[in-house]
Amino acid sequence: MAAAAVRYLRSAGAPATGAPPPRLRAVREDARLPVDQAVFRRVLGHFATGVTVVTAYDEEGGGPAGFACQSFASLSLDPPLVAFMVSRTSTTWPRIARAGAFCVNVLGADQADLCGAFAVSGATGADKFAGVPYDPAPATGSPRLAAVPAWTDCTIHAVHTGGDHLIVVGRVAALGARDDGEPLLFHRGRFGRFTT
């Protein structure tokens, strides 16, 4: 389960101990498109996304770990696969990779503050989970946050490179959802919700 993630971390030169990965270049300087990063971010910000918190339980690294993630998608029905993207500089990703499993917690419209708590870069798992109720997801034991509208409990299936991010594919082992509630949306740098 964690073998694919550990193999990737080792091939990239990062020790499997959770140390930050080395600075990597995925694209040569002469191969880059002439796109200003600020313009790229502004234009793609027009695409509204849902918001999730990806969590794992890292026994070796001191317990729960998690980060806010808006780049989550369903990938395959057969087998049941989902994917999320994470920055190569993430300090939380090595802990999730070591755990070999994760839970994607889909946030509701009233959970923007929860997203903010998990979006803090460099914070420890203890800091992010302070005062946040959760229970172990049924298949992997990854933290399933209380009162989220939906969750997906997964094992790591594959990890692919994608520029300055990694594409993490998870195989769904269990999942669930409530029938009520609205999703938390992110659009043009702000949180929002559906209006009818």
C-alpha atoms as a PDB file:
ATOM      1  CA  MET A   1       0.000   0.000   0.000  1.00  0.00           C
ATOM      2  CA  ALA A   2       2.649   2.542   0.954  1.00  0.00           C
ATOM      3  CA  ALA A   3       5.222   0.897  -1.294  1.00  0.00           C
ATOM      4  CA  ALA A   4       4.477   3.113  -4.315  1.00  0.00           C
ATOM      5  CA  ALA A   5       4.785   6.287  -2.264  1.00  0.00           C
ATOM      6  CA  VAL A   6       7.990   5.166  -0.565  1.00  0.00           C
ATOM      7  CA  ARG A   7       9.496   4.119  -3.918  1.00  0.00           C
ATOM      8  CA  TYR A   8       8.681   7.552  -5.321  1.00  0.00           C
ATOM      9  CA  LEU A   9      10.180   9.384  -2.342  1.00  0.00           C
ATOM     10  CA  ARG A  10      13.358   7.305  -2.564  1.00  0.00           C
ATOM     11  CA  SER A  11      13.666   7.798  -6.338  1.00  0.00           C
ATOM     12  CA  ALA A  12      13.314  11.556  -5.851  1.00  0.00           C
ATOM     13  CA  GLY A  13      16.147  11.494  -3.334  1.00  0.00           C
ATOM     14  CA  ALA A  14      14.008  12.076  -0.254  1.00  0.00           C
ATOM     15  CA  PRO A  15      14.549   9.803   2.713  1.00  0.00           C
ATOM     16  CA  ALA A  16      11.478   7.883   3.847  1.00  0.00           C
ATOM     17  CA  THR A  17      11.862   9.483   7.275  1.00  0.00           C
ATOM     18  CA  GLY A  18       9.527  12.397   6.538  1.00  0.00           C
ATOM     19  CA  ALA A  19      12.291  14.940   5.864  1.00  0.00           C
ATOM     20  CA  PRO A  20      11.326  17.600   3.308  1.00  0.00           C
ATOM     21  CA  PRO A  21      11.889  16.454  -0.280  1.00  0.00           C
ATOM     22  CA  PRO A  22      14.794  17.932  -2.222  1.00  0.00           C
ATOM     23  CA  ARG A  23      14.241  20.915  -4.491  1.00  0.00           C
ATOM     24  CA  LEU A  24      13.341  19.347  -7.850  1.00  0.00           C
ATOM     25  CA  ARG A  25      13.064  20.774 -11.338  1.00  0.00           C
ATOM     26  CA  ALA A  26      10.460  19.001 -13.449  1.00  0.00           C
ATOM     27  CA  VAL A  27      10.757  21.306 -16.479  1.00  0.00           C
ATOM     28  CA  ARG A  28      13.923  22.748 -17.998  1.00  0.00           C
ATOM     29  CA  GLU A  29      14.113  26.544 -18.057  1.00  0.00           C
ATOM     30  CA  ASP A  30      14.056  26.621 -21.894  1.00  0.00           C
ATOM     31  CA  ALA A  31      10.938  24.376 -21.960  1.00  0.00           C
ATOM     32  CA  ARG A  32       8.778  26.684 -19.826  1.00  0.00           C
ATOM     33  CA  LEU A  33       5.835  28.411 -21.431  1.00  0.00           C
ATOM     34  CA  PRO A  34       5.959  32.213 -21.301  1.00  0.00           C
ATOM     35  CA  VAL A  35       3.083  32.405 -18.813  1.00  0.00           C
ATOM     36  CA  ASP A  36       3.295  34.712 -15.836  1.00  0.00           C
ATOM     37  CA  GLN A  37       2.468  32.747 -12.660  1.00  0.00           C
ATOM     38  CA  ALA A  38       0.213  35.511 -11.328  1.00  0.00           C
ATOM     39  CA  VAL A  39      -1.785  35.529 -14.583  1.00  0.00           C
ATOM     40  CA  PHE A  40      -1.956  31.731 -14.581  1.00  0.00           C
ATOM     41  CA  ARG A  41      -3.312  31.731 -11.018  1.00  0.00           C
ATOM     42  CA  ARG A  42      -5.816  34.535 -11.740  1.00  0.00           C
ATOM     43  CA  VAL A  43      -7.219  32.923 -14.886  1.00  0.00           C
ATOM     44  CA  LEU A  44      -7.514  29.419 -13.403  1.00  0.00           C
ATOM     45  CA  GLY A  45      -9.075  30.925 -10.295  1.00  0.00           C
ATOM     46  CA  HIS A  46     -12.224  31.339 -12.370  1.00  0.00           C
ATOM     47  CA  PHE A  47     -12.725  27.584 -12.114  1.00  0.00           C
ATOM     48  CA  ALA A  48     -14.747  26.962  -8.953  1.00  0.00           C
ATOM     49  CA  THR A  49     -13.721  23.938  -6.910  1.00  0.00           C
ATOM     50  CA  GLY A  50     -14.853  22.131  -3.831  1.00  0.00           C
ATOM     51  CA  VAL A  51     -12.646  22.132  -0.752  1.00  0.00           C
ATOM     52  CA  THR A  52     -11.342  19.104   1.145  1.00  0.00           C
ATOM     53  CA  VAL A  53      -9.020  18.241   3.993  1.00  0.00           C
ATOM     54  CA  VAL A  54      -6.794  15.232   3.276  1.00  0.00           C
ATOM     55  CA  THR A  55      -5.823  13.417   6.482  1.00  0.00           C
ATOM     56  CA  ALA A  56      -3.727  10.438   7.535  1.00  0.00           C
ATOM     57  CA  TYR A  57      -2.609   8.818  10.764  1.00  0.00           C
ATOM     58  CA  ASP A  58       1.182   8.656  10.869  1.00  0.00           C
ATOM     59  CA  GLU A  59       2.092   6.414  13.811  1.00  0.00           C
ATOM     60  CA  GLU A  60       5.831   6.918  13.357  1.00  0.00           C
ATOM     61  CA  GLY A  61       5.491  10.687  12.982  1.00  0.00           C
ATOM     62  CA  GLY A  62       3.411  11.388  16.050  1.00  0.00           C
ATOM     63  CA  GLY A  63      -0.212  10.952  15.057  1.00  0.00           C
ATOM     64  CA  PRO A  64      -2.649  12.770  12.802  1.00  0.00           C
ATOM     65  CA  ALA A  65      -1.546  14.780   9.776  1.00  0.00           C
ATOM     66  CA  GLY A  66      -3.589  16.741   7.271  1.00  0.00           C
ATOM     67  CA  PHE A  67      -3.752  19.612   4.821  1.00  0.00           C
ATOM     68  CA  ALA A  68      -6.413  21.623   2.980  1.00  0.00           C
ATOM     69  CA  CYS A  69      -6.763  20.587  -0.653  1.00  0.00           C
ATOM     70  CA  GLN A  70      -8.924  21.889  -3.470  1.00  0.00           C
ATOM     71  CA  SER A  71      -7.366  19.736  -6.193  1.00  0.00           C
ATOM     72  CA  PHE A  72      -9.389  16.566  -5.595  1.00  0.00           C
ATOM     73  CA  ALA A  73     -11.304  14.550  -8.177  1.00  0.00           C
ATOM     74  CA  SER A  74     -12.908  11.204  -8.791  1.00  0.00           C
ATOM     75  CA  LEU A  75     -10.823   9.203 -11.250  1.00  0.00           C
ATOM     76  CA  SER A  76     -12.276   5.739 -11.899  1.00  0.00           C
ATOM     77  CA  LEU A  77     -15.330   3.665 -11.053  1.00  0.00           C
ATOM     78  CA  ASP A  78     -13.721   0.278 -11.736  1.00  0.00           C
ATOM     79  CA  PRO A  79     -11.526   0.081  -9.780  1.00  0.00           C
ATOM     80  CA  PRO A  80     -12.781   2.871  -7.502  1.00  0.00           C
ATOM     81  CA  LEU A  81     -10.033   5.514  -7.631  1.00  0.00           C
ATOM     82  CA  VAL A  82      -9.756   9.162  -6.608  1.00  0.00           C
ATOM     83  CA  ALA A  83      -6.880  11.619  -7.016  1.00  0.00           C
ATOM     84  CA  PHE A  84      -5.518  14.717  -5.357  1.00  0.00           C
ATOM     85  CA  MET A  85      -2.552  16.936  -6.111  1.00  0.00           C
ATOM     86  CA  VAL A  86      -0.036  18.084  -3.495  1.00  0.00           C
ATOM     87  CA  SER A  87       2.940  20.418  -3.724  1.00  0.00           C
ATOM     88  CA  ARG A  88       6.340  18.744  -3.695  1.00  0.00           C
ATOM     89  CA  THR A  89       7.340  21.172  -0.932  1.00  0.00           C
ATOM     90  CA  SER A  90       4.516  20.027   1.365  1.00  0.00           C
ATOM     91  CA  THR A  91       5.751  18.992   4.795  1.00  0.00           C
ATOM     92  CA  THR A  92       2.551  17.007   5.379  1.00  0.00           C
ATOM     93  CA  TRP A  93       2.796  14.821   2.262  1.00  0.00           C
ATOM     94  CA  PRO A  94       5.748  12.696   3.496  1.00  0.00           C
ATOM     95  CA  ARG A  95       3.697  11.812   6.593  1.00  0.00           C
ATOM     96  CA  ILE A  96       0.718  10.769   4.449  1.00  0.00           C
ATOM     97  CA  ALA A  97       3.030   8.780   2.166  1.00  0.00           C
ATOM     98  CA  ARG A  98       4.523   7.003   5.177  1.00  0.00           C
ATOM     99  CA  ALA A  99       1.029   6.145   6.449  1.00  0.00           C
ATOM    100  CA  GLY A 100       0.171   4.618   3.062  1.00  0.00           C
ATOM    101  CA  ALA A 101      -3.457   5.679   3.420  1.00  0.00           C
ATOM    102  CA  PHE A 102      -5.577   8.808   3.667  1.00  0.00           C
ATOM    103  CA  CYS A 103      -9.101  10.103   4.133  1.00  0.00           C
ATOM    104  CA  VAL A 104     -10.476  12.899   1.955  1.00  0.00           C
ATOM    105  CA  ASN A 105     -12.912  14.965   4.034  1.00  0.00           C
ATOM    106  CA  VAL A 106     -15.227  17.044   1.819  1.00  0.00           C
ATOM    107  CA  LEU A 107     -15.981  20.309   3.610  1.00  0.00           C
ATOM    108  CA  GLY A 108     -19.412  21.857   3.961  1.00  0.00           C
ATOM    109  CA  ALA A 109     -20.403  25.477   3.328  1.00  0.00           C
ATOM    110  CA  ASP A 110     -20.072  26.341   7.023  1.00  0.00           C
ATOM    111  CA  GLN A 111     -16.565  24.875   7.416  1.00  0.00           C
ATOM    112  CA  ALA A 112     -14.352  27.623   5.970  1.00  0.00           C
ATOM    113  CA  ASP A 113     -12.670  28.073   9.366  1.00  0.00           C
ATOM    114  CA  LEU A 114     -11.797  24.382   9.425  1.00  0.00           C
ATOM    115  CA  CYS A 115     -10.221  24.758   5.998  1.00  0.00           C
ATOM    116  CA  GLY A 116      -8.209  27.718   7.262  1.00  0.00           C
ATOM    117  CA  ALA A 117      -6.854  25.691  10.183  1.00  0.00           C
ATOM    118  CA  PHE A 118      -5.544  23.000   7.813  1.00  0.00           C
ATOM    119  CA  ALA A 119      -4.219  25.471   5.219  1.00  0.00           C
ATOM    120  CA  VAL A 120      -1.484  26.727   7.556  1.00  0.00           C
ATOM    121  CA  SER A 121       1.855  25.829   6.002  1.00  0.00           C
ATOM    122  CA  GLY A 122       4.455  24.386   8.342  1.00  0.00           C
ATOM    123  CA  ALA A 123       2.053  23.807  11.239  1.00  0.00           C
ATOM    124  CA  THR A 124       2.367  20.491  13.030  1.00  0.00           C
ATOM    125  CA  GLY A 125      -0.382  17.888  13.062  1.00  0.00           C
ATOM    126  CA  ALA A 126      -1.050  18.690  16.708  1.00  0.00           C
ATOM    127  CA  ASP A 127      -1.582  22.375  15.837  1.00  0.00           C
ATOM    128  CA  LYS A 128      -3.947  21.617  12.968  1.00  0.00           C
ATOM    129  CA  PHE A 129      -6.001  19.070  14.884  1.00  0.00           C
ATOM    130  CA  ALA A 130      -6.273  21.131  18.106  1.00  0.00           C
ATOM    131  CA  GLY A 131      -9.951  21.207  19.057  1.00  0.00           C
ATOM    132  CA  VAL A 132     -10.984  19.358  15.877  1.00  0.00           C
ATOM    133  CA  PRO A 133     -13.149  16.298  16.614  1.00  0.00           C
ATOM    134  CA  TYR A 134     -12.519  13.223  14.473  1.00  0.00           C
ATOM    135  CA  ASP A 135     -12.799   9.480  14.553  1.00  0.00           C
ATOM    136  CA  PRO A 136     -10.884   6.773  12.664  1.00  0.00           C
ATOM    137  CA  ALA A 137     -12.174   6.047   9.169  1.00  0.00           C
ATOM    138  CA  PRO A 138     -13.387   2.431   9.009  1.00  0.00           C
ATOM    139  CA  ALA A 139     -10.891   0.900   6.588  1.00  0.00           C
ATOM    140  CA  THR A 140      -7.590   2.693   7.220  1.00  0.00           C
ATOM    141  CA  GLY A 141      -7.978   4.504  10.535  1.00  0.00           C
ATOM    142  CA  SER A 142      -7.187   7.854   8.919  1.00  0.00           C
ATOM    143  CA  PRO A 143      -8.856  10.802  10.690  1.00  0.00           C
ATOM    144  CA  ARG A 144     -12.444  11.295   9.528  1.00  0.00           C
ATOM    145  CA  LEU A 145     -13.411  14.816  10.569  1.00  0.00           C
ATOM    146  CA  ALA A 146     -16.697  15.293  12.409  1.00  0.00           C
ATOM    147  CA  ALA A 147     -19.659  16.853  10.610  1.00  0.00           C
ATOM    148  CA  VAL A 148     -18.212  16.759   7.082  1.00  0.00           C
ATOM    149  CA  PRO A 149     -20.841  16.178   4.373  1.00  0.00           C
ATOM    150  CA  ALA A 150     -18.801  13.393   2.709  1.00  0.00           C
ATOM    151  CA  TRP A 151     -15.608  11.392   3.144  1.00  0.00           C
ATOM    152  CA  THR A 152     -13.548   8.882   1.180  1.00  0.00           C
ATOM    153  CA  ASP A 153     -11.208   6.437   2.950  1.00  0.00           C
ATOM    154  CA  CYS A 154      -8.348   5.300   0.684  1.00  0.00           C
ATOM    155  CA  THR A 155      -5.064   3.481   0.385  1.00  0.00           C
ATOM    156  CA  ILE A 156      -2.313   4.962  -1.783  1.00  0.00           C
ATOM    157  CA  HIS A 157      -2.520   3.287  -5.190  1.00  0.00           C
ATOM    158  CA  ALA A 158       0.051   5.304  -7.184  1.00  0.00           C
ATOM    159  CA  VAL A 159       2.030   8.550  -7.150  1.00  0.00           C
ATOM    160  CA  HIS A 160       2.900  10.426 -10.364  1.00  0.00           C
ATOM    161  CA  THR A 161       4.948  13.541 -10.992  1.00  0.00           C
ATOM    162  CA  GLY A 162       3.206  16.649 -12.305  1.00  0.00           C
ATOM    163  CA  GLY A 163       5.556  19.631 -12.512  1.00  0.00           C
ATOM    164  CA  ASP A 164       5.923  21.187  -9.073  1.00  0.00           C
ATOM    165  CA  HIS A 165       3.173  18.910  -7.701  1.00  0.00           C
ATOM    166  CA  LEU A 166       2.612  15.205  -7.190  1.00  0.00           C
ATOM    167  CA  ILE A 167      -0.525  13.434  -8.408  1.00  0.00           C
ATOM    168  CA  VAL A 168      -1.612  10.987  -5.722  1.00  0.00           C
ATOM    169  CA  VAL A 169      -4.054   8.254  -6.742  1.00  0.00           C
ATOM    170  CA  GLY A 170      -5.995   6.536  -3.990  1.00  0.00           C
ATOM    171  CA  ARG A 171      -7.968   3.311  -4.099  1.00  0.00           C
ATOM    172  CA  VAL A 172     -11.252   3.770  -2.258  1.00  0.00           C
ATOM    173  CA  ALA A 173     -11.749   1.304   0.584  1.00  0.00           C
ATOM    174  CA  ALA A 174     -14.792   2.954   2.207  1.00  0.00           C
ATOM    175  CA  LEU A 175     -16.834   6.112   1.780  1.00  0.00           C
ATOM    176  CA  GLY A 176     -19.929   7.842   3.033  1.00  0.00           C
ATOM    177  CA  ALA A 177     -22.042  10.988   2.776  1.00  0.00           C
ATOM    178  CA  ARG A 178     -24.921  12.812   4.425  1.00  0.00           C
ATOM    179  CA  ASP A 179     -28.012  13.634   2.400  1.00  0.00           C
ATOM    180  CA  ASP A 180     -28.145  17.250   3.574  1.00  0.00           C
ATOM    181  CA  GLY A 181     -25.828  20.256   3.513  1.00  0.00           C
ATOM    182  CA  GLU A 182     -24.145  22.386   0.892  1.00  0.00           C
ATOM    183  CA  PRO A 183     -20.503  22.160  -0.212  1.00  0.00           C
ATOM    184  CA  LEU A 184     -17.830  24.736   0.554  1.00  0.00           C
ATOM    185  CA  LEU A 185     -16.722  26.298  -2.735  1.00  0.00           C
ATOM    186  CA  PHE A 186     -13.525  28.162  -3.616  1.00  0.00           C
ATOM    187  CA  HIS A 187     -13.630  30.684  -6.463  1.00  0.00           C
ATOM    188  CA  ARG A 188     -11.255  33.540  -7.353  1.00  0.00           C
ATOM    189  CA  GLY A 189      -9.494  33.426  -4.001  1.00  0.00           C
ATOM    190  CA  ARG A 190     -12.640  33.387  -1.857  1.00  0.00           C
ATOM    191  CA  PHE A 191     -14.896  30.856  -0.198  1.00  0.00           C
ATOM    192  CA  GLY A 192     -18.524  30.712  -1.278  1.00  0.00           C
ATOM    193  CA  ARG A 193     -21.655  28.630  -1.428  1.00  0.00           C
ATOM    194  CA  PHE A 194     -24.536  27.887  -3.778  1.00  0.00           C
ATOM    195  CA  THR A 195     -27.315  30.444  -3.862  1.00  0.00           C
ATOM    196  CA  THR A 196     -30.788  29.531  -5.083  1.00  0.00           C
END
